[in-house]
């Protein structure tokens, strides 16, 4: 377990990560704060579809039917 602190930097806060965690400078993370105050940082992944033309990867599923039982998870 590694302990670090949050410091105020202007109008923002900074978390200093120790070298032992091997942080990559400039890498973007998605930050999530849970109800109990836990902070979670997840590496942001590249958008696989950023260069794909609109809807070129989309195929409409037109012949799908569901019964009420299937929708409720009853088989």
PDB file of N, CA and C in Angstrom:
ATOM      1  N   UNK A   1       0.859  -1.166   0.000  1.00  0.00           N
ATOM      2  CA  UNK A   1       0.000   0.000   0.000  1.00  0.00           C
ATOM      3  C   UNK A   1       0.908   1.233   0.000  1.00  0.00           C
ATOM      4  N   UNK A   2       0.525   2.213  -0.804  1.00  0.00           N
ATOM      5  CA  UNK A   2       1.261   3.462  -0.885  1.00  0.00           C
ATOM      6  C   UNK A   2       0.357   4.590  -0.417  1.00  0.00           C
ATOM      7  N   UNK A   3       0.881   5.461   0.403  1.00  0.00           N
ATOM      8  CA  UNK A   3       0.106   6.594   0.905  1.00  0.00           C
ATOM      9  C   UNK A   3       0.604   7.865   0.231  1.00  0.00           C
ATOM     10  N   UNK A   4      -0.314   8.704  -0.190  1.00  0.00           N
ATOM     11  CA  UNK A   4       0.022   9.977  -0.811  1.00  0.00           C
ATOM     12  C   UNK A   4      -0.920  11.037  -0.258  1.00  0.00           C
ATOM     13  N   UNK A   5      -0.668  12.288  -0.595  1.00  0.00           N
ATOM     14  CA  UNK A   5      -1.528  13.362  -0.104  1.00  0.00           C
ATOM     15  C   UNK A   5      -2.040  14.200  -1.266  1.00  0.00           C
ATOM     16  N   UNK A   6      -3.129  14.884  -1.000  1.00  0.00           N
ATOM     17  CA  UNK A   6      -3.695  15.808  -1.976  1.00  0.00           C
ATOM     18  C   UNK A   6      -3.265  17.207  -1.565  1.00  0.00           C
ATOM     19  N   UNK A   7      -2.766  17.963  -2.530  1.00  0.00           N
ATOM     20  CA  UNK A   7      -2.313  19.328  -2.250  1.00  0.00           C
ATOM     21  C   UNK A   7      -3.106  20.314  -3.089  1.00  0.00           C
ATOM     22  N   UNK A   8      -3.298  21.501  -2.544  1.00  0.00           N
ATOM     23  CA  UNK A   8      -3.983  22.571  -3.271  1.00  0.00           C
ATOM     24  C   UNK A   8      -2.975  23.219  -4.210  1.00  0.00           C
ATOM     25  N   UNK A   9      -3.389  23.435  -5.458  1.00  0.00           N
ATOM     26  CA  UNK A   9      -2.545  24.074  -6.467  1.00  0.00           C
ATOM     27  C   UNK A   9      -3.398  25.101  -7.197  1.00  0.00           C
ATOM     28  N   UNK A  10      -3.362  26.360  -6.751  1.00  0.00           N
ATOM     29  CA  UNK A  10      -4.236  27.387  -7.318  1.00  0.00           C
ATOM     30  C   UNK A  10      -5.670  27.088  -6.943  1.00  0.00           C
ATOM     31  N   UNK A  11      -6.551  26.995  -7.959  1.00  0.00           N
ATOM     32  CA  UNK A  11      -7.961  26.665  -7.715  1.00  0.00           C
ATOM     33  C   UNK A  11      -8.242  25.180  -7.880  1.00  0.00           C
ATOM     34  N   UNK A  12      -7.200  24.378  -8.035  1.00  0.00           N
ATOM     35  CA  UNK A  12      -7.341  22.937  -8.242  1.00  0.00           C
ATOM     36  C   UNK A  12      -6.640  22.182  -7.121  1.00  0.00           C
ATOM     37  N   UNK A  13      -6.734  20.874  -7.184  1.00  0.00           N
ATOM     38  CA  UNK A  13      -6.038  20.000  -6.250  1.00  0.00           C
ATOM     39  C   UNK A  13      -5.163  19.050  -7.051  1.00  0.00           C
ATOM     40  N   UNK A  14      -4.032  18.651  -6.491  1.00  0.00           N
ATOM     41  CA  UNK A  14      -3.109  17.746  -7.164  1.00  0.00           C
ATOM     42  C   UNK A  14      -2.796  16.567  -6.258  1.00  0.00           C
ATOM     43  N   UNK A  15      -2.751  15.395  -6.853  1.00  0.00           N
ATOM     44  CA  UNK A  15      -2.341  14.193  -6.130  1.00  0.00           C
ATOM     45  C   UNK A  15      -0.960  13.838  -6.654  1.00  0.00           C
ATOM     46  N   UNK A  16       0.005  13.786  -5.770  1.00  0.00           N
ATOM     47  CA  UNK A  16       1.369  13.430  -6.156  1.00  0.00           C
ATOM     48  C   UNK A  16       1.508  11.915  -6.045  1.00  0.00           C
ATOM     49  N   UNK A  17       1.866  11.272  -7.156  1.00  0.00           N
ATOM     50  CA  UNK A  17       2.005   9.823  -7.163  1.00  0.00           C
ATOM     51  C   UNK A  17       3.471   9.438  -7.032  1.00  0.00           C
ATOM     52  N   UNK A  18       3.785   8.558  -6.099  1.00  0.00           N
ATOM     53  CA  UNK A  18       5.161   8.131  -5.921  1.00  0.00           C
ATOM     54  C   UNK A  18       5.673   7.346  -7.140  1.00  0.00           C
ATOM     55  N   UNK A  19       6.978   7.415  -7.358  1.00  0.00           N
ATOM     56  CA  UNK A  19       7.610   6.751  -8.492  1.00  0.00           C
ATOM     57  C   UNK A  19       7.330   5.245  -8.491  1.00  0.00           C
ATOM     58  N   UNK A  20       7.182   4.657  -7.299  1.00  0.00           N
ATOM     59  CA  UNK A  20       6.949   3.220  -7.186  1.00  0.00           C
ATOM     60  C   UNK A  20       5.684   2.788  -7.946  1.00  0.00           C
ATOM     61  N   UNK A  21       4.722   3.698  -8.135  1.00  0.00           N
ATOM     62  CA  UNK A  21       3.492   3.394  -8.877  1.00  0.00           C
ATOM     63  C   UNK A  21       3.680   3.510 -10.385  1.00  0.00           C
ATOM     64  N   UNK A  22       4.846   3.967 -10.811  1.00  0.00           N
ATOM     65  CA  UNK A  22       5.191   4.105 -12.230  1.00  0.00           C
ATOM     66  C   UNK A  22       4.152   4.912 -13.018  1.00  0.00           C
ATOM     67  N   UNK A  23       3.823   6.115 -12.553  1.00  0.00           N
ATOM     68  CA  UNK A  23       2.853   6.920 -13.297  1.00  0.00           C
ATOM     69  C   UNK A  23       3.468   7.417 -14.607  1.00  0.00           C
ATOM     70  N   UNK A  24       2.629   7.601 -15.607  1.00  0.00           N
ATOM     71  CA  UNK A  24       3.067   8.101 -16.911  1.00  0.00           C
ATOM     72  C   UNK A  24       2.627   9.555 -17.034  1.00  0.00           C
ATOM     73  N   UNK A  25       3.599  10.459 -17.120  1.00  0.00           N
ATOM     74  CA  UNK A  25       3.289  11.894 -17.210  1.00  0.00           C
ATOM     75  C   UNK A  25       2.448  12.178 -18.450  1.00  0.00           C
ATOM     76  N   UNK A  26       1.390  12.960 -18.280  1.00  0.00           N
ATOM     77  CA  UNK A  26       0.539  13.356 -19.398  1.00  0.00           C
ATOM     78  C   UNK A  26      -0.592  12.382 -19.712  1.00  0.00           C
ATOM     79  N   UNK A  27      -0.599  11.209 -19.099  1.00  0.00           N
ATOM     80  CA  UNK A  27      -1.659  10.225 -19.352  1.00  0.00           C
ATOM     81  C   UNK A  27      -2.967  10.713 -18.744  1.00  0.00           C
ATOM     82  N   UNK A  28      -4.067  10.546 -19.483  1.00  0.00           N
ATOM     83  CA  UNK A  28      -5.378  10.978 -18.998  1.00  0.00           C
ATOM     84  C   UNK A  28      -6.080   9.847 -18.261  1.00  0.00           C
ATOM     85  N   UNK A  29      -6.798  10.233 -17.205  1.00  0.00           N
ATOM     86  CA  UNK A  29      -7.559   9.280 -16.404  1.00  0.00           C
ATOM     87  C   UNK A  29      -8.986   9.777 -16.237  1.00  0.00           C
ATOM     88  N   UNK A  30      -9.908   8.855 -16.093  1.00  0.00           N
ATOM     89  CA  UNK A  30     -11.285   9.177 -15.744  1.00  0.00           C
ATOM     90  C   UNK A  30     -11.352   9.068 -14.222  1.00  0.00           C
ATOM     91  N   UNK A  31     -11.809  10.124 -13.579  1.00  0.00           N
ATOM     92  CA  UNK A  31     -11.878  10.149 -12.120  1.00  0.00           C
ATOM     93  C   UNK A  31     -13.320   9.959 -11.665  1.00  0.00           C
ATOM     94  N   UNK A  32     -13.497   9.097 -10.685  1.00  0.00           N
ATOM     95  CA  UNK A  32     -14.827   8.806 -10.138  1.00  0.00           C
ATOM     96  C   UNK A  32     -14.761   8.941  -8.623  1.00  0.00           C
ATOM     97  N   UNK A  33     -15.737   9.635  -8.047  1.00  0.00           N
ATOM     98  CA  UNK A  33     -15.835   9.726  -6.589  1.00  0.00           C
ATOM     99  C   UNK A  33     -17.057   8.942  -6.146  1.00  0.00           C
ATOM    100  N   UNK A  34     -16.834   7.919  -5.322  1.00  0.00           N
ATOM    101  CA  UNK A  34     -17.910   7.078  -4.821  1.00  0.00           C
ATOM    102  C   UNK A  34     -18.605   7.773  -3.646  1.00  0.00           C
ATOM    103  N   UNK A  35     -19.781   7.276  -3.259  1.00  0.00           N
ATOM    104  CA  UNK A  35     -20.543   7.871  -2.159  1.00  0.00           C
ATOM    105  C   UNK A  35     -19.774   7.868  -0.845  1.00  0.00           C
ATOM    106  N   UNK A  36     -18.909   6.878  -0.651  1.00  0.00           N
ATOM    107  CA  UNK A  36     -18.159   6.787   0.601  1.00  0.00           C
ATOM    108  C   UNK A  36     -16.888   7.636   0.589  1.00  0.00           C
ATOM    109  N   UNK A  37     -16.668   8.408  -0.504  1.00  0.00           N
ATOM    110  CA  UNK A  37     -15.511   9.287  -0.595  1.00  0.00           C
ATOM    111  C   UNK A  37     -14.317   8.684  -1.315  1.00  0.00           C
ATOM    112  N   UNK A  38     -14.394   7.405  -1.662  1.00  0.00           N
ATOM    113  CA  UNK A  38     -13.310   6.749  -2.377  1.00  0.00           C
ATOM    114  C   UNK A  38     -13.123   7.387  -3.745  1.00  0.00           C
ATOM    115  N   UNK A  39     -11.878   7.677  -4.102  1.00  0.00           N
ATOM    116  CA  UNK A  39     -11.558   8.204  -5.424  1.00  0.00           C
ATOM    117  C   UNK A  39     -10.962   7.077  -6.257  1.00  0.00           C
ATOM    118  N   UNK A  40     -11.469   6.913  -7.471  1.00  0.00           N
ATOM    119  CA  UNK A  40     -10.987   5.871  -8.372  1.00  0.00           C
ATOM    120  C   UNK A  40     -10.526   6.543  -9.658  1.00  0.00           C
ATOM    121  N   UNK A  41      -9.328   6.178 -10.109  1.00  0.00           N
ATOM    122  CA  UNK A  41      -8.782   6.724 -11.344  1.00  0.00           C
ATOM    123  C   UNK A  41      -8.560   5.573 -12.322  1.00  0.00           C
ATOM    124  N   UNK A  42      -9.218   5.659 -13.487  1.00  0.00           N
ATOM    125  CA  UNK A  42      -9.144   4.617 -14.506  1.00  0.00           C
ATOM    126  C   UNK A  42      -8.520   5.220 -15.759  1.00  0.00           C
ATOM    127  N   UNK A  43      -7.501   4.573 -16.341  1.00  0.00           N
ATOM    128  CA  UNK A  43      -6.899   5.119 -17.553  1.00  0.00           C
ATOM    129  C   UNK A  43      -7.941   5.301 -18.657  1.00  0.00           C
ATOM    130  N   UNK A  44      -7.893   6.466 -19.310  1.00  0.00           N
ATOM    131  CA  UNK A  44      -8.821   6.754 -20.396  1.00  0.00           C
ATOM    132  C   UNK A  44      -8.336   6.014 -21.647  1.00  0.00           C
ATOM    133  N   UNK A  45      -9.227   5.269 -22.277  1.00  0.00           N
ATOM    134  CA  UNK A  45      -8.887   4.516 -23.475  1.00  0.00           C
ATOM    135  C   UNK A  45      -9.115   5.365 -24.714  1.00  0.00           C
ATOM    136  N   UNK A  46      -8.362   5.071 -25.755  1.00  0.00           N
ATOM    137  CA  UNK A  46      -8.527   5.775 -27.027  1.00  0.00           C
ATOM    138  C   UNK A  46      -9.889   5.431 -27.624  1.00  0.00           C
ATOM    139  N   UNK A  47     -10.494   6.379 -28.313  1.00  0.00           N
ATOM    140  CA  UNK A  47     -11.783   6.171 -28.973  1.00  0.00           C
ATOM    141  C   UNK A  47     -11.560   5.378 -30.251  1.00  0.00           C
ATOM    142  N   UNK A  48     -11.970   4.111 -30.264  1.00  0.00           N
ATOM    143  CA  UNK A  48     -11.770   3.243 -31.425  1.00  0.00           C
ATOM    144  C   UNK A  48     -12.559   3.709 -32.642  1.00  0.00           C
ATOM    145  N   UNK A  49     -13.576   4.521 -32.446  1.00  0.00           N
ATOM    146  CA  UNK A  49     -14.459   4.910 -33.537  1.00  0.00           C
ATOM    147  C   UNK A  49     -14.291   6.364 -33.962  1.00  0.00           C
ATOM    148  N   UNK A  50     -13.249   7.047 -33.514  1.00  0.00           N
ATOM    149  CA  UNK A  50     -13.114   8.468 -33.822  1.00  0.00           C
ATOM    150  C   UNK A  50     -12.956   8.747 -35.312  1.00  0.00           C
ATOM    151  N   UNK A  51     -12.419   7.817 -36.086  1.00  0.00           N
ATOM    152  CA  UNK A  51     -12.227   8.038 -37.517  1.00  0.00           C
ATOM    153  C   UNK A  51     -13.241   7.281 -38.378  1.00  0.00           C
ATOM    154  N   UNK A  52     -14.291   6.783 -37.768  1.00  0.00           N
ATOM    155  CA  UNK A  52     -15.313   6.027 -38.487  1.00  0.00           C
ATOM    156  C   UNK A  52     -16.425   6.977 -38.910  1.00  0.00           C
ATOM    157  N   UNK A  53     -16.837   6.867 -40.179  1.00  0.00           N
ATOM    158  CA  UNK A  53     -17.936   7.702 -40.674  1.00  0.00           C
ATOM    159  C   UNK A  53     -19.203   7.395 -39.889  1.00  0.00           C
ATOM    160  N   UNK A  54     -20.078   8.394 -39.770  1.00  0.00           N
ATOM    161  CA  UNK A  54     -21.325   8.217 -39.020  1.00  0.00           C
ATOM    162  C   UNK A  54     -22.067   6.952 -39.420  1.00  0.00           C
ATOM    163  N   UNK A  55     -22.380   6.154 -38.423  1.00  0.00           N
ATOM    164  CA  UNK A  55     -23.217   4.959 -38.538  1.00  0.00           C
ATOM    165  C   UNK A  55     -22.670   3.898 -39.483  1.00  0.00           C
ATOM    166  N   UNK A  56     -21.429   4.005 -39.945  1.00  0.00           N
ATOM    167  CA  UNK A  56     -20.921   2.994 -40.873  1.00  0.00           C
ATOM    168  C   UNK A  56     -20.722   1.647 -40.186  1.00  0.00           C
ATOM    169  N   UNK A  57     -20.632   1.628 -38.857  1.00  0.00           N
ATOM    170  CA  UNK A  57     -20.464   0.380 -38.116  1.00  0.00           C
ATOM    171  C   UNK A  57     -21.777  -0.097 -37.503  1.00  0.00           C
ATOM    172  N   UNK A  58     -22.842   0.585 -37.819  1.00  0.00           N
ATOM    173  CA  UNK A  58     -24.137   0.287 -37.201  1.00  0.00           C
ATOM    174  C   UNK A  58     -25.018  -0.486 -38.164  1.00  0.00           C
ATOM    175  N   UNK A  59     -25.565  -1.594 -37.703  1.00  0.00           N
ATOM    176  CA  UNK A  59     -26.536  -2.348 -38.480  1.00  0.00           C
ATOM    177  C   UNK A  59     -27.795  -2.478 -37.636  1.00  0.00           C
ATOM    178  N   UNK A  60     -28.888  -1.979 -38.149  1.00  0.00           N
ATOM    179  CA  UNK A  60     -30.147  -2.040 -37.413  1.00  0.00           C
ATOM    180  C   UNK A  60     -30.604  -3.488 -37.290  1.00  0.00           C
ATOM    181  N   UNK A  61     -31.058  -3.854 -36.113  1.00  0.00           N
ATOM    182  CA  UNK A  61     -31.606  -5.183 -35.881  1.00  0.00           C
ATOM    183  C   UNK A  61     -33.117  -5.058 -35.994  1.00  0.00           C
ATOM    184  N   UNK A  62     -33.622  -5.334 -37.157  1.00  0.00           N
ATOM    185  CA  UNK A  62     -35.034  -5.066 -37.428  1.00  0.00           C
ATOM    186  C   UNK A  62     -35.949  -6.238 -37.137  1.00  0.00           C
ATOM    187  N   UNK A  63     -35.440  -7.448 -37.075  1.00  0.00           N
ATOM    188  CA  UNK A  63     -36.338  -8.588 -36.877  1.00  0.00           C
ATOM    189  C   UNK A  63     -36.121  -9.240 -35.510  1.00  0.00           C
ATOM    190  N   UNK A  64     -36.104  -8.412 -34.474  1.00  0.00           N
ATOM    191  CA  UNK A  64     -35.991  -8.908 -33.105  1.00  0.00           C
ATOM    192  C   UNK A  64     -37.352  -8.753 -32.433  1.00  0.00           C
ATOM    193  N   UNK A  65     -37.804  -9.828 -31.828  1.00  0.00           N
ATOM    194  CA  UNK A  65     -39.064  -9.764 -31.078  1.00  0.00           C
ATOM    195  C   UNK A  65     -38.829 -10.342 -29.684  1.00  0.00           C
ATOM    196  N   UNK A  66     -39.439  -9.733 -28.710  1.00  0.00           N
ATOM    197  CA  UNK A  66     -39.334 -10.197 -27.340  1.00  0.00           C
ATOM    198  C   UNK A  66     -40.731 -10.372 -26.781  1.00  0.00           C
ATOM    199  N   UNK A  67     -40.880 -11.419 -25.986  1.00  0.00           N
ATOM    200  CA  UNK A  67     -42.137 -11.610 -25.283  1.00  0.00           C
ATOM    201  C   UNK A  67     -41.989 -10.964 -23.902  1.00  0.00           C
ATOM    202  N   UNK A  68     -43.060 -10.745 -23.227  1.00  0.00           N
ATOM    203  CA  UNK A  68     -43.023 -10.159 -21.884  1.00  0.00           C
ATOM    204  C   UNK A  68     -42.207 -11.052 -20.943  1.00  0.00           C
ATOM    205  N   UNK A  69     -42.315 -12.374 -21.109  1.00  0.00           N
ATOM    206  CA  UNK A  69     -41.588 -13.290 -20.261  1.00  0.00           C
ATOM    207  C   UNK A  69     -40.071 -13.169 -20.484  1.00  0.00           C
ATOM    208  N   UNK A  70     -39.648 -13.026 -21.740  1.00  0.00           N
ATOM    209  CA  UNK A  70     -38.218 -12.879 -22.038  1.00  0.00           C
ATOM    210  C   UNK A  70     -37.675 -11.565 -21.465  1.00  0.00           C
ATOM    211  N   UNK A  71     -38.472 -10.510 -21.579  1.00  0.00           N
ATOM    212  CA  UNK A  71     -38.046  -9.230 -21.047  1.00  0.00           C
ATOM    213  C   UNK A  71     -37.883  -9.273 -19.536  1.00  0.00           C
ATOM    214  N   UNK A  72     -38.678 -10.100 -18.869  1.00  0.00           N
ATOM    215  CA  UNK A  72     -38.622 -10.209 -17.414  1.00  0.00           C
ATOM    216  C   UNK A  72     -37.609 -11.257 -16.968  1.00  0.00           C
ATOM    217  N   UNK A  73     -36.950 -11.939 -17.930  1.00  0.00           N
ATOM    218  CA  UNK A  73     -35.967 -12.940 -17.594  1.00  0.00           C
ATOM    219  C   UNK A  73     -36.568 -14.296 -17.302  1.00  0.00           C
ATOM    220  N   UNK A  74     -37.808 -14.522 -17.702  1.00  0.00           N
ATOM    221  CA  UNK A  74     -38.501 -15.796 -17.486  1.00  0.00           C
ATOM    222  C   UNK A  74     -38.449 -16.581 -18.794  1.00  0.00           C
ATOM    223  N   UNK A  75     -37.982 -17.815 -18.707  1.00  0.00           N
ATOM    224  CA  UNK A  75     -37.948 -18.631 -19.927  1.00  0.00           C
ATOM    225  C   UNK A  75     -38.846 -19.812 -19.844  1.00  0.00           C
TER     226      UNK A  75
END
